[in-house]
């Protein structure tokens, strides 16, 4: 079963739940630590953590999907981040004590665009890895054979 013809629902739900729990939990920890220390490096780390983490999750997710083209990467990333925003908005009042409308800002939009880019790049990297069907013949020819890695005379 697929969503929009691109997203395998079961795989998407499992990977999205894992990523949201880790992402939201780490964001909460970064926020608390920043409030306690006011260290600008904590703020910087909190800003770069999500795109890097989502790049990794995108790579893990897209390694096992049958359709990994640009359209499926963008649709998956937009749905992924859209769901994360909906759940983050729902948790905004109980966790942070702020209105959900505080998520409607230019800074949040820029941050979420970086997260979309992280997921899309993760999908692209997964597509380019050797184990994915559809890897171009030129790329396969460039990969070393296992016998190329042996010392001379042991092949």
Foldseek 3Di string as FASTA:
>chain_A
DADPVQHDPVLLVVLLVVLLVVLVVVLLVLVVVCVVPVDVVSVVCNLPVLLQSLLQSLLVSLLPDQDQDQVSLLVSLVVSLVVSLVVCQVCCCVRVVDHSCVCVDPVNVVSSVSNSVSNNNSSVVSCCDPVHPPHDPVSVVPDDDPVVPDDPPPD
